[in-house]
Amino acid sequence: MLVLILVGMGIYAFILFVKLANRGITALDIYIEEKRNNKL
């Protein structure tokens, strides 16, 4: 029973991490685009 709970928590944490990583990559892309536009 404890194993199922740990697996569930692990999957949940992984999903949250992926969402956060995607948000970070998007923010980084926007930041890079702004820097490029400022140079031009």
PDB file of N, CA and C in Angstrom:
ATOM      1  N   MET A   1       0.839  -1.209   0.000  1.00  0.00           N
ATOM      2  CA  MET A   1       0.000   0.000   0.000  1.00  0.00           C
ATOM      3  C   MET A   1       0.869   1.253   0.000  1.00  0.00           C
ATOM      4  N   LEU A   2       1.921   1.251   0.809  1.00  0.00           N
ATOM      5  CA  LEU A   2       2.814   2.412   0.894  1.00  0.00           C
ATOM      6  C   LEU A   2       3.511   2.642  -0.448  1.00  0.00           C
ATOM      7  N   VAL A   3       3.827   1.544  -1.142  1.00  0.00           N
ATOM      8  CA  VAL A   3       4.496   1.652  -2.441  1.00  0.00           C
ATOM      9  C   VAL A   3       3.605   2.401  -3.425  1.00  0.00           C
ATOM     10  N   LEU A   4       2.311   2.089  -3.439  1.00  0.00           N
ATOM     11  CA  LEU A   4       1.372   2.765  -4.347  1.00  0.00           C
ATOM     12  C   LEU A   4       1.327   4.261  -4.063  1.00  0.00           C
ATOM     13  N   ILE A   5       1.330   4.628  -2.785  1.00  0.00           N
ATOM     14  CA  ILE A   5       1.291   6.051  -2.410  1.00  0.00           C
ATOM     15  C   ILE A   5       2.558   6.747  -2.898  1.00  0.00           C
ATOM     16  N   LEU A   6       3.715   6.110  -2.691  1.00  0.00           N
ATOM     17  CA  LEU A   6       4.987   6.705  -3.122  1.00  0.00           C
ATOM     18  C   LEU A   6       5.034   6.856  -4.637  1.00  0.00           C
ATOM     19  N   VAL A   7       4.557   5.842  -5.360  1.00  0.00           N
ATOM     20  CA  VAL A   7       4.542   5.909  -6.825  1.00  0.00           C
ATOM     21  C   VAL A   7       3.627   7.038  -7.278  1.00  0.00           C
ATOM     22  N   GLY A   8       2.459   7.154  -6.654  1.00  0.00           N
ATOM     23  CA  GLY A   8       1.517   8.223  -6.994  1.00  0.00           C
ATOM     24  C   GLY A   8       2.114   9.595  -6.755  1.00  0.00           C
ATOM     25  N   MET A   9       2.775   9.762  -5.620  1.00  0.00           N
ATOM     26  CA  MET A   9       3.405  11.045  -5.300  1.00  0.00           C
ATOM     27  C   MET A   9       4.535  11.344  -6.282  1.00  0.00           C
ATOM     28  N   GLY A  10       5.285  10.323  -6.662  1.00  0.00           N
ATOM     29  CA  GLY A  10       6.385  10.493  -7.603  1.00  0.00           C
ATOM     30  C   GLY A  10       5.874  10.955  -8.960  1.00  0.00           C
ATOM     31  N   ILE A  11       4.797  10.333  -9.441  1.00  0.00           N
ATOM     32  CA  ILE A  11       4.212  10.717 -10.735  1.00  0.00           C
ATOM     33  C   ILE A  11       3.689  12.143 -10.660  1.00  0.00           C
ATOM     34  N   TYR A  12       3.014  12.481  -9.562  1.00  0.00           N
ATOM     35  CA  TYR A  12       2.457  13.825  -9.383  1.00  0.00           C
ATOM     36  C   TYR A  12       3.576  14.876  -9.380  1.00  0.00           C
ATOM     37  N   ALA A  13       4.656  14.578  -8.660  1.00  0.00           N
ATOM     38  CA  ALA A  13       5.793  15.507  -8.593  1.00  0.00           C
ATOM     39  C   ALA A  13       6.432  15.658  -9.974  1.00  0.00           C
ATOM     40  N   PHE A  14       6.519  14.548 -10.720  1.00  0.00           N
ATOM     41  CA  PHE A  14       7.110  14.588 -12.060  1.00  0.00           C
ATOM     42  C   PHE A  14       6.278  15.468 -12.985  1.00  0.00           C
ATOM     43  N   ILE A  15       4.944  15.341 -12.923  1.00  0.00           N
ATOM     44  CA  ILE A  15       4.055  16.158 -13.756  1.00  0.00           C
ATOM     45  C   ILE A  15       4.227  17.635 -13.405  1.00  0.00           C
ATOM     46  N   LEU A  16       4.277  17.953 -12.117  1.00  0.00           N
ATOM     47  CA  LEU A  16       4.469  19.352 -11.700  1.00  0.00           C
ATOM     48  C   LEU A  16       5.807  19.875 -12.212  1.00  0.00           C
ATOM     49  N   PHE A  17       6.843  19.035 -12.131  1.00  0.00           N
ATOM     50  CA  PHE A  17       8.171  19.446 -12.585  1.00  0.00           C
ATOM     51  C   PHE A  17       8.174  19.734 -14.083  1.00  0.00           C
ATOM     52  N   VAL A  18       7.498  18.873 -14.863  1.00  0.00           N
ATOM     53  CA  VAL A  18       7.435  19.064 -16.315  1.00  0.00           C
ATOM     54  C   VAL A  18       6.704  20.358 -16.654  1.00  0.00           C
ATOM     55  N   LYS A  19       5.588  20.625 -15.951  1.00  0.00           N
ATOM     56  CA  LYS A  19       4.840  21.866 -16.195  1.00  0.00           C
ATOM     57  C   LYS A  19       5.711  23.080 -15.876  1.00  0.00           C
ATOM     58  N   LEU A  20       6.428  23.007 -14.758  1.00  0.00           N
ATOM     59  CA  LEU A  20       7.296  24.117 -14.350  1.00  0.00           C
ATOM     60  C   LEU A  20       8.427  24.301 -15.356  1.00  0.00           C
ATOM     61  N   ALA A  21       9.011  23.201 -15.831  1.00  0.00           N
ATOM     62  CA  ALA A  21      10.102  23.269 -16.809  1.00  0.00           C
ATOM     63  C   ALA A  21       9.609  23.903 -18.103  1.00  0.00           C
ATOM     64  N   ASN A  22       8.415  23.498 -18.561  1.00  0.00           N
ATOM     65  CA  ASN A  22       7.864  24.070 -19.789  1.00  0.00           C
ATOM     66  C   ASN A  22       7.640  25.566 -19.633  1.00  0.00           C
ATOM     67  N   ARG A  23       7.139  25.985 -18.470  1.00  0.00           N
ATOM     68  CA  ARG A  23       6.903  27.407 -18.213  1.00  0.00           C
ATOM     69  C   ARG A  23       8.238  28.162 -18.220  1.00  0.00           C
ATOM     70  N   GLY A  24       9.261  27.570 -17.622  1.00  0.00           N
ATOM     71  CA  GLY A  24      10.583  28.190 -17.576  1.00  0.00           C
ATOM     72  C   GLY A  24      11.179  28.331 -18.968  1.00  0.00           C
ATOM     73  N   ILE A  25      11.015  27.300 -19.797  1.00  0.00           N
ATOM     74  CA  ILE A  25      11.546  27.349 -21.165  1.00  0.00           C
ATOM     75  C   ILE A  25      10.824  28.437 -21.956  1.00  0.00           C
ATOM     76  N   THR A  26       9.518  28.542 -21.784  1.00  0.00           N
ATOM     77  CA  THR A  26       8.747  29.578 -22.481  1.00  0.00           C
ATOM     78  C   THR A  26       9.216  30.963 -22.056  1.00  0.00           C
ATOM     79  N   ALA A  27       9.408  31.161 -20.754  1.00  0.00           N
ATOM     80  CA  ALA A  27       9.867  32.455 -20.239  1.00  0.00           C
ATOM     81  C   ALA A  27      11.257  32.771 -20.793  1.00  0.00           C
ATOM     82  N   LEU A  28      12.119  31.765 -20.872  1.00  0.00           N
ATOM     83  CA  LEU A  28      13.466  31.948 -21.391  1.00  0.00           C
ATOM     84  C   LEU A  28      13.419  32.343 -22.867  1.00  0.00           C
ATOM     85  N   ASP A  29      12.547  31.690 -23.640  1.00  0.00           N
ATOM     86  CA  ASP A  29      12.390  32.029 -25.055  1.00  0.00           C
ATOM     87  C   ASP A  29      11.951  33.472 -25.223  1.00  0.00           C
ATOM     88  N   ILE A  30      10.976  33.903 -24.422  1.00  0.00           N
ATOM     89  CA  ILE A  30      10.487  35.281 -24.499  1.00  0.00           C
ATOM     90  C   ILE A  30      11.618  36.247 -24.149  1.00  0.00           C
ATOM     91  N   TYR A  31      12.391  35.923 -23.120  1.00  0.00           N
ATOM     92  CA  TYR A  31      13.506  36.769 -22.684  1.00  0.00           C
ATOM     93  C   TYR A  31      14.543  36.914 -23.800  1.00  0.00           C
ATOM     94  N   ILE A  32      14.890  35.796 -24.439  1.00  0.00           N
ATOM     95  CA  ILE A  32      15.872  35.808 -25.531  1.00  0.00           C
ATOM     96  C   ILE A  32      15.346  36.638 -26.700  1.00  0.00           C
ATOM     97  N   GLU A  33      14.075  36.470 -27.038  1.00  0.00           N
ATOM     98  CA  GLU A  33      13.478  37.247 -28.137  1.00  0.00           C
ATOM     99  C   GLU A  33      13.547  38.742 -27.836  1.00  0.00           C
ATOM    100  N   GLU A  34      13.252  39.135 -26.605  1.00  0.00           N
ATOM    101  CA  GLU A  34      13.295  40.541 -26.230  1.00  0.00           C
ATOM    102  C   GLU A  34      14.718  41.085 -26.352  1.00  0.00           C
ATOM    103  N   LYS A  35      15.700  40.293 -25.913  1.00  0.00           N
ATOM    104  CA  LYS A  35      17.095  40.736 -26.012  1.00  0.00           C
ATOM    105  C   LYS A  35      17.496  40.914 -27.469  1.00  0.00           C
ATOM    106  N   ARG A  36      17.080  39.997 -28.347  1.00  0.00           N
ATOM    107  CA  ARG A  36      17.394  40.098 -29.768  1.00  0.00           C
ATOM    108  C   ARG A  36      16.750  41.348 -30.363  1.00  0.00           C
ATOM    109  N   ASN A  37      15.502  41.602 -30.021  1.00  0.00           N
ATOM    110  CA  ASN A  37      14.787  42.754 -30.566  1.00  0.00           C
ATOM    111  C   ASN A  37      15.421  44.059 -30.089  1.00  0.00           C
ATOM    112  N   ASN A  38      15.925  44.086 -28.857  1.00  0.00           N
ATOM    113  CA  ASN A  38      16.561  45.294 -28.337  1.00  0.00           C
ATOM    114  C   ASN A  38      17.868  45.586 -29.078  1.00  0.00           C
ATOM    115  N   LYS A  39      18.601  44.541 -29.456  1.00  0.00           N
ATOM    116  CA  LYS A  39      19.866  44.734 -30.183  1.00  0.00           C
ATOM    117  C   LYS A  39      19.589  45.310 -31.559  1.00  0.00           C
ATOM    118  N   LEU A  40      18.498  44.870 -32.195  1.00  0.00           N
ATOM    119  CA  LEU A  40      18.144  45.384 -33.517  1.00  0.00           C
ATOM    120  C   LEU A  40      17.511  46.748 -33.335  1.00  0.00           C
TER     121      LEU A  40
END
